[in-house]
Amino acid sequence: MITLQLQQLDVPSGQRLLIRNLDWPQFERILEELGDTRASRIAYSHGTLEIRMPSPEHEVDKELLGDLVKILLDELEIDCECFGSTTFKQAAMESGIEPDQCFYIQHQTQMRGKRRIDLSIDPPPDLAIEVDVTSKTQLEAYVALGVPELWRYEKNRLNIYTLQAGEYQLATTSPIFPDLPILELVAEVFEQSLQSGRSPALRAFRKKIRQMID
């Protein structure tokens, strides 16, 4: 059997590497070897590790979607703690994930000042965001960790998933923003960003939200 070290592996932008039959200690060692300053993202569920190298398309879309959520929270005066692409993992669940963006909203008070996450005592994020360009989000990892709301942007479309009875169900509205047509608003912002650019699209979005609130 040939043994390779991670530094020998090169994952091109927009591609992914799957490693199967990994137990939890092996997963922990790989995380340690990858380090905290890497560009890649990981997802681990029941023995299978996916290492993804984001593409420019992925990064542009996830930043736009994250900024959109921050504007919503700001204009609605909803407090939050943003934990970005923090690694969330729990040995008991055999799962680990790094969202593209994530937010503590209902649990933001509990997470103030936190610089490390321990899911044995800390809650999972209230909202996680994933942008799928070349790979599929491992929903089972999010289910195992108990993330109540997941937004997945794929093929120019946002899908909202809510955790119900241990599995994700597609929803037409966001429980965090129940009075807003999130799917339509996101589609509009992304379309406008292609036509006029990110900054004008976000400024127009902020203005529209203020008008809807008033």
N, C-alpha and C. Protein backbone atom coordinates (compact mmCIF):
# COMPACT_ATOMS: atom_id res chain seq x y z
N MET A 1 0.84 -1.18 0.00
CA MET A 1 0.00 0.00 0.00
C MET A 1 0.89 1.25 0.00
N ILE A 2 0.55 2.21 -0.85
CA ILE A 2 1.30 3.46 -0.95
C ILE A 2 0.71 4.46 0.03
N THR A 3 1.56 5.09 0.82
CA THR A 3 1.14 6.11 1.79
C THR A 3 1.56 7.48 1.29
N LEU A 4 0.60 8.39 1.20
CA LEU A 4 0.87 9.75 0.75
C LEU A 4 0.63 10.73 1.88
N GLN A 5 1.39 11.81 1.91
CA GLN A 5 1.16 12.88 2.85
C GLN A 5 0.29 13.95 2.19
N LEU A 6 -0.45 14.68 3.01
CA LEU A 6 -1.39 15.65 2.46
C LEU A 6 -0.70 16.71 1.61
N GLN A 7 0.51 17.11 1.99
CA GLN A 7 1.20 18.13 1.21
C GLN A 7 1.58 17.66 -0.19
N GLN A 8 1.48 16.34 -0.43
CA GLN A 8 1.75 15.81 -1.77
C GLN A 8 0.52 15.92 -2.67
N LEU A 9 -0.64 16.19 -2.08
CA LEU A 9 -1.88 16.23 -2.84
C LEU A 9 -2.20 17.66 -3.23
N ASP A 10 -2.59 17.85 -4.48
CA ASP A 10 -2.92 19.17 -5.01
C ASP A 10 -4.35 19.14 -5.51
N VAL A 11 -5.23 19.89 -4.82
CA VAL A 11 -6.62 19.96 -5.24
C VAL A 11 -6.83 21.26 -6.01
N PRO A 12 -7.10 21.20 -7.32
CA PRO A 12 -7.26 22.42 -8.12
C PRO A 12 -8.47 23.23 -7.66
N SER A 13 -8.46 24.52 -7.96
CA SER A 13 -9.57 25.40 -7.65
C SER A 13 -10.87 24.87 -8.24
N GLY A 14 -11.91 24.83 -7.41
CA GLY A 14 -13.22 24.36 -7.87
C GLY A 14 -13.38 22.85 -7.84
N GLN A 15 -12.36 22.12 -7.38
CA GLN A 15 -12.43 20.66 -7.36
C GLN A 15 -12.47 20.15 -5.91
N ARG A 16 -12.65 18.85 -5.76
CA ARG A 16 -12.71 18.26 -4.43
C ARG A 16 -11.99 16.93 -4.39
N LEU A 17 -11.60 16.55 -3.18
CA LEU A 17 -10.93 15.28 -2.95
C LEU A 17 -11.72 14.51 -1.90
N LEU A 18 -12.08 13.27 -2.19
CA LEU A 18 -12.80 12.42 -1.25
C LEU A 18 -11.85 11.38 -0.66
N ILE A 19 -11.86 11.26 0.66
CA ILE A 19 -11.08 10.24 1.36
C ILE A 19 -12.05 9.40 2.18
N ARG A 20 -12.09 8.11 1.90
CA ARG A 20 -13.08 7.25 2.55
C ARG A 20 -12.44 6.38 3.64
N ASN A 21 -13.31 5.81 4.45
CA ASN A 21 -12.90 4.87 5.51
C ASN A 21 -11.93 5.50 6.51
N LEU A 22 -12.22 6.73 6.91
CA LEU A 22 -11.44 7.42 7.92
C LEU A 22 -12.17 7.34 9.26
N ASP A 23 -11.47 6.91 10.30
CA ASP A 23 -12.10 6.97 11.61
C ASP A 23 -11.89 8.36 12.21
N TRP A 24 -12.50 8.61 13.37
CA TRP A 24 -12.45 9.94 13.94
C TRP A 24 -11.04 10.39 14.29
N PRO A 25 -10.20 9.57 14.92
CA PRO A 25 -8.82 10.01 15.19
C PRO A 25 -8.05 10.37 13.93
N GLN A 26 -8.27 9.62 12.83
CA GLN A 26 -7.60 9.95 11.57
C GLN A 26 -8.08 11.30 11.04
N PHE A 27 -9.38 11.53 11.15
CA PHE A 27 -9.94 12.83 10.73
C PHE A 27 -9.33 13.97 11.53
N GLU A 28 -9.20 13.79 12.85
CA GLU A 28 -8.61 14.82 13.70
C GLU A 28 -7.15 15.09 13.31
N ARG A 29 -6.42 14.03 12.99
CA ARG A 29 -5.02 14.22 12.60
C ARG A 29 -4.90 14.96 11.28
N ILE A 30 -5.80 14.65 10.34
CA ILE A 30 -5.79 15.35 9.05
C ILE A 30 -6.11 16.83 9.26
N LEU A 31 -7.09 17.13 10.11
CA LEU A 31 -7.41 18.53 10.40
C LEU A 31 -6.20 19.26 10.95
N GLU A 32 -5.49 18.60 11.85
CA GLU A 32 -4.31 19.20 12.45
C GLU A 32 -3.23 19.45 11.41
N GLU A 33 -3.06 18.49 10.49
CA GLU A 33 -2.04 18.65 9.45
C GLU A 33 -2.43 19.74 8.45
N LEU A 34 -3.72 19.85 8.14
CA LEU A 34 -4.17 20.88 7.22
C LEU A 34 -3.97 22.27 7.80
N GLY A 35 -4.14 22.41 9.11
CA GLY A 35 -3.92 23.69 9.77
C GLY A 35 -5.09 24.65 9.61
N ASP A 36 -4.93 25.82 10.22
CA ASP A 36 -6.02 26.81 10.25
C ASP A 36 -5.91 27.88 9.18
N THR A 37 -4.78 27.94 8.46
CA THR A 37 -4.58 29.02 7.49
C THR A 37 -4.80 28.57 6.05
N ARG A 38 -5.39 27.42 5.88
CA ARG A 38 -5.59 26.86 4.54
C ARG A 38 -6.75 27.55 3.82
N ALA A 39 -6.76 27.40 2.49
CA ALA A 39 -7.86 27.92 1.69
C ALA A 39 -8.96 26.89 1.50
N SER A 40 -8.65 25.63 1.71
CA SER A 40 -9.61 24.56 1.45
C SER A 40 -10.67 24.50 2.54
N ARG A 41 -11.79 23.84 2.23
CA ARG A 41 -12.88 23.61 3.16
C ARG A 41 -13.08 22.10 3.31
N ILE A 42 -13.53 21.68 4.49
CA ILE A 42 -13.73 20.24 4.72
C ILE A 42 -15.17 19.94 5.11
N ALA A 43 -15.56 18.70 4.86
CA ALA A 43 -16.83 18.17 5.35
C ALA A 43 -16.59 16.69 5.65
N TYR A 44 -16.96 16.26 6.85
CA TYR A 44 -16.74 14.88 7.27
C TYR A 44 -18.03 14.29 7.80
N SER A 45 -18.38 13.10 7.35
CA SER A 45 -19.58 12.44 7.83
C SER A 45 -19.39 10.93 7.77
N HIS A 46 -19.41 10.30 8.94
CA HIS A 46 -19.41 8.85 9.06
C HIS A 46 -18.36 8.18 8.18
N GLY A 47 -17.13 8.63 8.33
CA GLY A 47 -16.01 7.95 7.69
C GLY A 47 -15.56 8.50 6.36
N THR A 48 -16.30 9.45 5.80
CA THR A 48 -15.92 10.03 4.51
C THR A 48 -15.57 11.50 4.68
N LEU A 49 -14.38 11.87 4.24
CA LEU A 49 -13.91 13.25 4.31
C LEU A 49 -13.87 13.84 2.91
N GLU A 50 -14.44 15.02 2.77
CA GLU A 50 -14.36 15.76 1.51
C GLU A 50 -13.54 17.02 1.75
N ILE A 51 -12.51 17.21 0.94
CA ILE A 51 -11.70 18.42 0.98
C ILE A 51 -11.98 19.20 -0.31
N ARG A 52 -12.48 20.41 -0.16
CA ARG A 52 -12.87 21.22 -1.32
C ARG A 52 -11.98 22.44 -1.44
N MET A 53 -11.62 22.76 -2.66
CA MET A 53 -10.87 24.00 -2.94
C MET A 53 -11.83 24.96 -3.65
N PRO A 54 -12.27 26.03 -2.98
CA PRO A 54 -13.28 26.92 -3.57
C PRO A 54 -12.80 27.57 -4.86
N SER A 55 -13.73 27.80 -5.77
CA SER A 55 -13.46 28.50 -7.01
C SER A 55 -13.80 29.98 -6.85
N PRO A 56 -13.33 30.85 -7.74
CA PRO A 56 -13.72 32.26 -7.67
C PRO A 56 -15.23 32.45 -7.70
N GLU A 57 -15.93 31.67 -8.52
CA GLU A 57 -17.40 31.77 -8.57
C GLU A 57 -18.01 31.48 -7.20
N HIS A 58 -17.50 30.45 -6.56
CA HIS A 58 -17.98 30.08 -5.23
C HIS A 58 -17.75 31.21 -4.24
N GLU A 59 -16.56 31.79 -4.23
CA GLU A 59 -16.22 32.82 -3.27
C GLU A 59 -17.05 34.09 -3.48
N VAL A 60 -17.26 34.48 -4.73
CA VAL A 60 -18.07 35.67 -5.02
C VAL A 60 -19.49 35.47 -4.53
N ASP A 61 -20.08 34.30 -4.81
CA ASP A 61 -21.47 34.04 -4.43
C ASP A 61 -21.64 33.95 -2.92
N LYS A 62 -20.71 33.31 -2.24
CA LYS A 62 -20.87 33.15 -0.78
C LYS A 62 -20.67 34.47 -0.06
N GLU A 63 -19.80 35.34 -0.57
CA GLU A 63 -19.63 36.65 0.04
C GLU A 63 -20.87 37.51 -0.16
N LEU A 64 -21.45 37.44 -1.34
CA LEU A 64 -22.66 38.22 -1.63
C LEU A 64 -23.81 37.76 -0.74
N LEU A 65 -23.98 36.46 -0.62
CA LEU A 65 -25.07 35.93 0.20
C LEU A 65 -24.85 36.26 1.68
N GLY A 66 -23.62 36.16 2.14
CA GLY A 66 -23.32 36.52 3.52
C GLY A 66 -23.59 37.99 3.79
N ASP A 67 -23.19 38.87 2.85
CA ASP A 67 -23.43 40.31 3.01
C ASP A 67 -24.92 40.61 3.02
N LEU A 68 -25.66 39.89 2.22
CA LEU A 68 -27.11 40.08 2.17
C LEU A 68 -27.75 39.77 3.53
N VAL A 69 -27.32 38.67 4.14
CA VAL A 69 -27.86 38.30 5.46
C VAL A 69 -27.48 39.35 6.50
N LYS A 70 -26.25 39.85 6.44
CA LYS A 70 -25.82 40.87 7.41
C LYS A 70 -26.64 42.14 7.27
N ILE A 71 -26.98 42.52 6.04
CA ILE A 71 -27.83 43.69 5.84
C ILE A 71 -29.22 43.46 6.43
N LEU A 72 -29.77 42.28 6.21
CA LEU A 72 -31.07 41.95 6.78
C LEU A 72 -31.05 42.07 8.30
N LEU A 73 -30.07 41.46 8.91
CA LEU A 73 -29.97 41.49 10.37
C LEU A 73 -29.78 42.92 10.88
N ASP A 74 -28.98 43.69 10.17
CA ASP A 74 -28.71 45.07 10.57
C ASP A 74 -29.96 45.93 10.48
N GLU A 75 -30.64 45.86 9.34
CA GLU A 75 -31.82 46.71 9.13
C GLU A 75 -32.99 46.30 10.02
N LEU A 76 -33.09 45.02 10.34
CA LEU A 76 -34.15 44.55 11.22
C LEU A 76 -33.77 44.66 12.69
N GLU A 77 -32.54 45.15 12.94
CA GLU A 77 -32.02 45.32 14.29
C GLU A 77 -32.06 44.00 15.06
N ILE A 78 -31.62 42.96 14.40
CA ILE A 78 -31.50 41.64 15.02
C ILE A 78 -30.03 41.41 15.34
N ASP A 79 -29.73 41.20 16.60
CA ASP A 79 -28.34 40.98 17.00
C ASP A 79 -27.87 39.61 16.55
N CYS A 80 -26.58 39.51 16.24
CA CYS A 80 -26.02 38.22 15.80
C CYS A 80 -24.54 38.16 16.14
N GLU A 81 -24.01 36.98 16.09
CA GLU A 81 -22.58 36.73 16.13
C GLU A 81 -22.26 35.91 14.88
N CYS A 82 -21.33 36.42 14.07
CA CYS A 82 -20.96 35.74 12.82
C CYS A 82 -19.69 34.93 13.04
N PHE A 83 -19.75 33.63 12.70
CA PHE A 83 -18.60 32.76 12.90
C PHE A 83 -18.01 32.26 11.59
N GLY A 84 -18.40 32.88 10.46
CA GLY A 84 -17.76 32.59 9.19
C GLY A 84 -17.69 31.12 8.84
N SER A 85 -16.46 30.65 8.55
CA SER A 85 -16.24 29.26 8.14
C SER A 85 -15.59 28.44 9.26
N THR A 86 -15.99 28.71 10.49
CA THR A 86 -15.49 27.95 11.65
C THR A 86 -15.69 26.46 11.45
N THR A 87 -14.75 25.65 11.94
CA THR A 87 -14.90 24.20 11.91
C THR A 87 -15.80 23.76 13.07
N PHE A 88 -16.91 23.11 12.73
CA PHE A 88 -17.81 22.54 13.73
C PHE A 88 -17.69 21.03 13.65
N LYS A 89 -17.36 20.39 14.77
CA LYS A 89 -17.17 18.95 14.76
C LYS A 89 -17.55 18.36 16.11
N GLN A 90 -18.02 17.12 16.05
CA GLN A 90 -18.40 16.43 17.27
C GLN A 90 -18.17 14.94 17.08
N ALA A 91 -17.30 14.38 17.91
CA ALA A 91 -16.94 12.97 17.78
C ALA A 91 -18.14 12.06 17.95
N ALA A 92 -19.02 12.40 18.89
CA ALA A 92 -20.18 11.53 19.17
C ALA A 92 -21.08 11.40 17.94
N MET A 93 -21.10 12.44 17.11
CA MET A 93 -21.94 12.43 15.91
C MET A 93 -21.17 11.98 14.67
N GLU A 94 -19.85 11.79 14.80
CA GLU A 94 -19.00 11.41 13.68
C GLU A 94 -19.16 12.37 12.50
N SER A 95 -19.23 13.64 12.82
CA SER A 95 -19.48 14.64 11.77
C SER A 95 -18.66 15.90 12.03
N GLY A 96 -18.26 16.53 10.93
CA GLY A 96 -17.57 17.81 11.00
C GLY A 96 -17.86 18.60 9.73
N ILE A 97 -17.98 19.91 9.86
CA ILE A 97 -18.35 20.72 8.71
C ILE A 97 -17.76 22.12 8.87
N GLU A 98 -17.50 22.77 7.75
CA GLU A 98 -17.08 24.17 7.73
C GLU A 98 -18.01 24.93 6.79
N PRO A 99 -19.01 25.62 7.31
CA PRO A 99 -19.95 26.35 6.45
C PRO A 99 -19.23 27.44 5.66
N ASP A 100 -19.84 27.88 4.58
CA ASP A 100 -19.31 29.04 3.88
C ASP A 100 -19.51 30.30 4.73
N GLN A 101 -20.64 30.38 5.40
CA GLN A 101 -20.92 31.44 6.36
C GLN A 101 -21.85 30.84 7.42
N CYS A 102 -21.77 31.35 8.64
CA CYS A 102 -22.74 30.90 9.64
C CYS A 102 -22.96 31.99 10.68
N PHE A 103 -24.15 31.95 11.30
CA PHE A 103 -24.56 33.01 12.21
C PHE A 103 -25.24 32.41 13.44
N TYR A 104 -24.90 32.98 14.58
CA TYR A 104 -25.67 32.74 15.80
C TYR A 104 -26.63 33.90 15.96
N ILE A 105 -27.90 33.61 16.00
CA ILE A 105 -28.93 34.65 16.07
C ILE A 105 -29.77 34.45 17.33
N GLN A 106 -30.53 33.36 17.38
CA GLN A 106 -31.28 33.07 18.61
C GLN A 106 -30.34 32.84 19.79
N HIS A 107 -29.15 32.31 19.53
CA HIS A 107 -28.19 32.01 20.59
C HIS A 107 -27.02 33.00 20.64
N GLN A 108 -27.23 34.19 20.07
CA GLN A 108 -26.11 35.13 19.97
C GLN A 108 -25.61 35.58 21.34
N THR A 109 -26.51 35.72 22.32
CA THR A 109 -26.07 36.14 23.65
C THR A 109 -25.12 35.13 24.25
N GLN A 110 -25.45 33.86 24.07
CA GLN A 110 -24.63 32.78 24.62
C GLN A 110 -23.25 32.73 23.98
N MET A 111 -23.14 33.20 22.73
CA MET A 111 -21.89 33.06 21.98
C MET A 111 -21.03 34.33 21.98
N ARG A 112 -21.47 35.36 22.63
CA ARG A 112 -20.68 36.59 22.68
C ARG A 112 -19.33 36.32 23.34
N GLY A 113 -18.28 36.82 22.69
CA GLY A 113 -16.95 36.70 23.24
C GLY A 113 -16.30 35.34 23.05
N LYS A 114 -17.01 34.39 22.46
CA LYS A 114 -16.46 33.05 22.24
C LYS A 114 -15.41 33.10 21.14
N ARG A 115 -14.30 32.44 21.37
CA ARG A 115 -13.27 32.33 20.35
C ARG A 115 -12.96 30.89 20.00
N ARG A 116 -13.56 29.97 20.71
CA ARG A 116 -13.46 28.53 20.42
C ARG A 116 -14.83 27.90 20.60
N ILE A 117 -15.09 26.88 19.79
CA ILE A 117 -16.38 26.20 19.84
C ILE A 117 -16.21 24.79 20.39
N ASP A 118 -17.04 24.43 21.33
CA ASP A 118 -17.10 23.08 21.86
C ASP A 118 -18.56 22.65 21.82
N LEU A 119 -18.91 21.83 20.83
CA LEU A 119 -20.31 21.46 20.63
C LEU A 119 -20.86 20.55 21.73
N SER A 120 -20.02 20.12 22.65
CA SER A 120 -20.54 19.38 23.79
C SER A 120 -21.23 20.31 24.78
N ILE A 121 -20.91 21.61 24.70
CA ILE A 121 -21.56 22.59 25.57
C ILE A 121 -22.15 23.77 24.79
N ASP A 122 -21.62 24.05 23.60
CA ASP A 122 -22.11 25.17 22.80
C ASP A 122 -23.15 24.69 21.78
N PRO A 123 -24.12 25.54 21.45
CA PRO A 123 -25.09 25.17 20.42
C PRO A 123 -24.48 25.26 19.02
N PRO A 124 -25.07 24.59 18.05
CA PRO A 124 -24.64 24.79 16.66
C PRO A 124 -25.12 26.15 16.18
N PRO A 125 -24.60 26.66 15.07
CA PRO A 125 -25.09 27.95 14.56
C PRO A 125 -26.57 27.87 14.21
N ASP A 126 -27.26 28.99 14.34
CA ASP A 126 -28.69 29.04 14.04
C ASP A 126 -28.96 29.07 12.54
N LEU A 127 -28.01 29.62 11.79
CA LEU A 127 -28.14 29.68 10.34
C LEU A 127 -26.79 29.40 9.71
N ALA A 128 -26.77 28.47 8.77
CA ALA A 128 -25.55 28.17 8.00
C ALA A 128 -25.84 28.38 6.53
N ILE A 129 -24.81 28.82 5.80
CA ILE A 129 -24.93 29.08 4.37
C ILE A 129 -23.91 28.25 3.62
N GLU A 130 -24.35 27.60 2.56
CA GLU A 130 -23.46 26.84 1.69
C GLU A 130 -23.74 27.23 0.24
N VAL A 131 -22.66 27.42 -0.51
CA VAL A 131 -22.76 27.67 -1.96
C VAL A 131 -22.17 26.47 -2.66
N ASP A 132 -22.98 25.77 -3.43
CA ASP A 132 -22.54 24.57 -4.14
C ASP A 132 -22.31 24.90 -5.60
N VAL A 133 -21.05 24.79 -6.02
CA VAL A 133 -20.70 25.02 -7.43
C VAL A 133 -20.28 23.71 -8.07
N THR A 134 -19.30 23.05 -7.48
CA THR A 134 -18.80 21.79 -8.06
C THR A 134 -19.07 20.60 -7.15
N SER A 135 -19.57 20.82 -5.95
CA SER A 135 -19.84 19.71 -5.03
C SER A 135 -21.15 19.94 -4.32
N LYS A 136 -21.67 18.89 -3.71
CA LYS A 136 -22.92 18.95 -2.99
C LYS A 136 -22.67 19.06 -1.50
N THR A 137 -23.42 19.92 -0.84
CA THR A 137 -23.33 20.04 0.61
C THR A 137 -23.72 18.71 1.26
N GLN A 138 -22.94 18.29 2.26
CA GLN A 138 -23.24 17.06 2.99
C GLN A 138 -24.30 17.38 4.04
N LEU A 139 -25.56 17.26 3.63
CA LEU A 139 -26.67 17.59 4.53
C LEU A 139 -26.64 16.75 5.79
N GLU A 140 -26.18 15.48 5.68
CA GLU A 140 -26.18 14.60 6.85
C GLU A 140 -25.29 15.13 7.96
N ALA A 141 -24.21 15.83 7.60
CA ALA A 141 -23.34 16.41 8.62
C ALA A 141 -24.06 17.52 9.37
N TYR A 142 -24.80 18.35 8.64
CA TYR A 142 -25.56 19.42 9.28
C TYR A 142 -26.68 18.86 10.14
N VAL A 143 -27.32 17.79 9.67
CA VAL A 143 -28.36 17.13 10.47
C VAL A 143 -27.77 16.61 11.77
N ALA A 144 -26.63 15.93 11.67
CA ALA A 144 -26.00 15.34 12.85
C ALA A 144 -25.63 16.41 13.87
N LEU A 145 -25.19 17.56 13.41
CA LEU A 145 -24.79 18.63 14.31
C LEU A 145 -25.98 19.46 14.80
N GLY A 146 -27.13 19.28 14.16
CA GLY A 146 -28.35 19.94 14.63
C GLY A 146 -28.49 21.39 14.24
N VAL A 147 -27.98 21.77 13.07
CA VAL A 147 -28.13 23.16 12.60
C VAL A 147 -29.59 23.36 12.15
N PRO A 148 -30.33 24.27 12.80
CA PRO A 148 -31.77 24.34 12.54
C PRO A 148 -32.17 24.90 11.18
N GLU A 149 -31.35 25.80 10.62
CA GLU A 149 -31.70 26.39 9.32
C GLU A 149 -30.46 26.45 8.43
N LEU A 150 -30.62 25.95 7.20
CA LEU A 150 -29.52 25.90 6.24
C LEU A 150 -29.97 26.51 4.93
N TRP A 151 -29.17 27.46 4.43
CA TRP A 151 -29.41 28.02 3.10
C TRP A 151 -28.38 27.44 2.15
N ARG A 152 -28.84 26.87 1.06
CA ARG A 152 -27.93 26.31 0.05
C ARG A 152 -28.20 26.97 -1.29
N TYR A 153 -27.17 27.62 -1.82
CA TYR A 153 -27.29 28.30 -3.11
C TYR A 153 -26.65 27.44 -4.18
N GLU A 154 -27.44 27.03 -5.16
CA GLU A 154 -26.95 26.12 -6.19
C GLU A 154 -27.65 26.42 -7.50
N LYS A 155 -26.88 26.47 -8.57
CA LYS A 155 -27.42 26.69 -9.91
C LYS A 155 -28.30 27.94 -9.96
N ASN A 156 -27.77 29.03 -9.40
CA ASN A 156 -28.45 30.33 -9.42
C ASN A 156 -29.79 30.33 -8.70
N ARG A 157 -29.90 29.48 -7.68
CA ARG A 157 -31.15 29.38 -6.94
C ARG A 157 -30.86 29.10 -5.47
N LEU A 158 -31.59 29.79 -4.60
CA LEU A 158 -31.47 29.55 -3.17
C LEU A 158 -32.52 28.55 -2.71
N ASN A 159 -32.09 27.57 -1.93
CA ASN A 159 -33.01 26.65 -1.26
C ASN A 159 -32.85 26.83 0.25
N ILE A 160 -33.96 26.91 0.94
CA ILE A 160 -33.97 27.04 2.40
C ILE A 160 -34.40 25.71 2.99
N TYR A 161 -33.57 25.18 3.90
CA TYR A 161 -33.88 23.91 4.57
C TYR A 161 -34.07 24.19 6.06
N THR A 162 -35.10 23.59 6.64
CA THR A 162 -35.31 23.67 8.08
C THR A 162 -35.29 22.26 8.66
N LEU A 163 -34.70 22.13 9.82
CA LEU A 163 -34.54 20.82 10.46
C LEU A 163 -35.82 20.47 11.22
N GLN A 164 -36.44 19.38 10.80
CA GLN A 164 -37.69 18.94 11.41
C GLN A 164 -37.65 17.44 11.62
N ALA A 165 -37.81 17.03 12.88
CA ALA A 165 -37.84 15.61 13.23
C ALA A 165 -36.63 14.86 12.69
N GLY A 166 -35.45 15.50 12.79
CA GLY A 166 -34.22 14.83 12.43
C GLY A 166 -33.89 14.80 10.96
N GLU A 167 -34.59 15.58 10.14
CA GLU A 167 -34.23 15.65 8.71
C GLU A 167 -34.60 17.02 8.17
N TYR A 168 -33.93 17.39 7.07
CA TYR A 168 -34.18 18.70 6.48
C TYR A 168 -35.37 18.65 5.53
N GLN A 169 -36.20 19.70 5.67
CA GLN A 169 -37.34 19.89 4.78
C GLN A 169 -37.17 21.20 4.04
N LEU A 170 -37.47 21.18 2.73
CA LEU A 170 -37.45 22.41 1.96
C LEU A 170 -38.54 23.35 2.45
N ALA A 171 -38.20 24.63 2.56
CA ALA A 171 -39.16 25.63 3.03
C ALA A 171 -39.22 26.78 2.04
N THR A 172 -40.36 27.44 1.99
CA THR A 172 -40.51 28.59 1.10
C THR A 172 -40.22 29.90 1.82
N THR A 173 -40.16 29.86 3.15
CA THR A 173 -39.82 31.04 3.94
C THR A 173 -38.75 30.68 4.96
N SER A 174 -38.07 31.69 5.44
CA SER A 174 -37.04 31.50 6.46
C SER A 174 -37.64 31.73 7.85
N PRO A 175 -37.49 30.79 8.77
CA PRO A 175 -37.99 31.01 10.13
C PRO A 175 -37.33 32.22 10.80
N ILE A 176 -36.12 32.55 10.40
CA ILE A 176 -35.43 33.71 10.98
C ILE A 176 -36.00 35.01 10.44
N PHE A 177 -36.42 35.00 9.16
CA PHE A 177 -37.01 36.19 8.54
C PHE A 177 -38.40 35.84 7.99
N PRO A 178 -39.34 35.50 8.85
CA PRO A 178 -40.62 34.94 8.38
C PRO A 178 -41.49 35.89 7.58
N ASP A 179 -41.28 37.19 7.74
CA ASP A 179 -42.15 38.15 7.08
C ASP A 179 -41.59 38.68 5.76
N LEU A 180 -40.47 38.11 5.33
CA LEU A 180 -39.84 38.60 4.10
C LEU A 180 -39.78 37.49 3.05
N PRO A 181 -39.98 37.84 1.77
CA PRO A 181 -39.89 36.85 0.68
C PRO A 181 -38.42 36.61 0.32
N ILE A 182 -37.72 35.87 1.17
CA ILE A 182 -36.27 35.71 1.03
C ILE A 182 -35.87 35.15 -0.33
N LEU A 183 -36.57 34.14 -0.80
CA LEU A 183 -36.18 33.51 -2.08
C LEU A 183 -36.21 34.53 -3.22
N GLU A 184 -37.26 35.34 -3.25
CA GLU A 184 -37.38 36.34 -4.31
C GLU A 184 -36.33 37.45 -4.15
N LEU A 185 -36.10 37.86 -2.93
CA LEU A 185 -35.14 38.93 -2.68
C LEU A 185 -33.72 38.50 -3.07
N VAL A 186 -33.35 37.29 -2.71
CA VAL A 186 -32.02 36.79 -3.05
C VAL A 186 -31.85 36.70 -4.56
N ALA A 187 -32.85 36.17 -5.25
CA ALA A 187 -32.77 36.06 -6.71
C ALA A 187 -32.60 37.43 -7.35
N GLU A 188 -33.29 38.42 -6.82
CA GLU A 188 -33.22 39.78 -7.36
C GLU A 188 -31.83 40.38 -7.14
N VAL A 189 -31.27 40.20 -5.95
CA VAL A 189 -29.95 40.76 -5.67
C VAL A 189 -28.89 40.12 -6.55
N PHE A 190 -28.94 38.80 -6.71
CA PHE A 190 -27.93 38.13 -7.53
C PHE A 190 -28.05 38.56 -8.99
N GLU A 191 -29.25 38.73 -9.49
CA GLU A 191 -29.43 39.16 -10.87
C GLU A 191 -28.91 40.58 -11.05
N GLN A 192 -29.22 41.44 -10.10
CA GLN A 192 -28.75 42.83 -10.20
C GLN A 192 -27.24 42.92 -10.07
N SER A 193 -26.65 42.05 -9.25
CA SER A 193 -25.19 42.08 -9.09
C SER A 193 -24.49 41.72 -10.39
N LEU A 194 -25.09 40.85 -11.20
CA LEU A 194 -24.51 40.50 -12.49
C LEU A 194 -24.60 41.67 -13.47
N GLN A 195 -25.66 42.45 -13.35
CA GLN A 195 -25.88 43.55 -14.29
C GLN A 195 -25.13 44.82 -13.91
N SER A 196 -25.16 45.15 -12.61
CA SER A 196 -24.61 46.45 -12.21
C SER A 196 -23.46 46.35 -11.21
N GLY A 197 -23.20 45.13 -10.71
CA GLY A 197 -22.11 44.95 -9.77
C GLY A 197 -22.60 44.73 -8.35
N ARG A 198 -21.71 44.19 -7.52
CA ARG A 198 -22.06 43.82 -6.16
C ARG A 198 -22.50 45.00 -5.30
N SER A 199 -21.71 46.05 -5.29
CA SER A 199 -21.99 47.18 -4.39
C SER A 199 -23.32 47.87 -4.71
N PRO A 200 -23.60 48.22 -5.96
CA PRO A 200 -24.91 48.82 -6.26
C PRO A 200 -26.07 47.89 -5.92
N ALA A 201 -25.88 46.58 -6.15
CA ALA A 201 -26.94 45.63 -5.85
C ALA A 201 -27.24 45.59 -4.35
N LEU A 202 -26.19 45.61 -3.53
CA LEU A 202 -26.39 45.57 -2.09
C LEU A 202 -26.97 46.88 -1.57
N ARG A 203 -26.57 48.01 -2.16
CA ARG A 203 -27.15 49.29 -1.74
C ARG A 203 -28.64 49.33 -2.07
N ALA A 204 -29.00 48.85 -3.26
CA ALA A 204 -30.41 48.81 -3.66
C ALA A 204 -31.19 47.86 -2.75
N PHE A 205 -30.56 46.77 -2.36
CA PHE A 205 -31.21 45.81 -1.47
C PHE A 205 -31.47 46.43 -0.10
N ARG A 206 -30.49 47.12 0.44
CA ARG A 206 -30.67 47.78 1.74
C ARG A 206 -31.82 48.79 1.67
N LYS A 207 -31.85 49.56 0.61
CA LYS A 207 -32.92 50.56 0.44
C LYS A 207 -34.29 49.89 0.37
N LYS A 208 -34.36 48.76 -0.35
CA LYS A 208 -35.64 48.07 -0.49
C LYS A 208 -36.10 47.51 0.85
N ILE A 209 -35.18 46.96 1.63
CA ILE A 209 -35.55 46.42 2.93
C ILE A 209 -36.06 47.52 3.84
N ARG A 210 -35.43 48.68 3.80
CA ARG A 210 -35.90 49.80 4.62
C ARG A 210 -37.32 50.21 4.22
N GLN A 211 -37.58 50.19 2.92
CA GLN A 211 -38.93 50.54 2.46
C GLN A 211 -39.95 49.50 2.90
N MET A 212 -39.57 48.23 2.86
CA MET A 212 -40.48 47.17 3.28
C MET A 212 -40.76 47.24 4.78
N ILE A 213 -39.75 47.61 5.56
CA ILE A 213 -39.93 47.72 7.00
C ILE A 213 -40.85 48.90 7.33
N ASP A 214 -40.65 50.01 6.62
CA ASP A 214 -41.46 51.21 6.85
C ASP A 214 -42.92 50.98 6.42
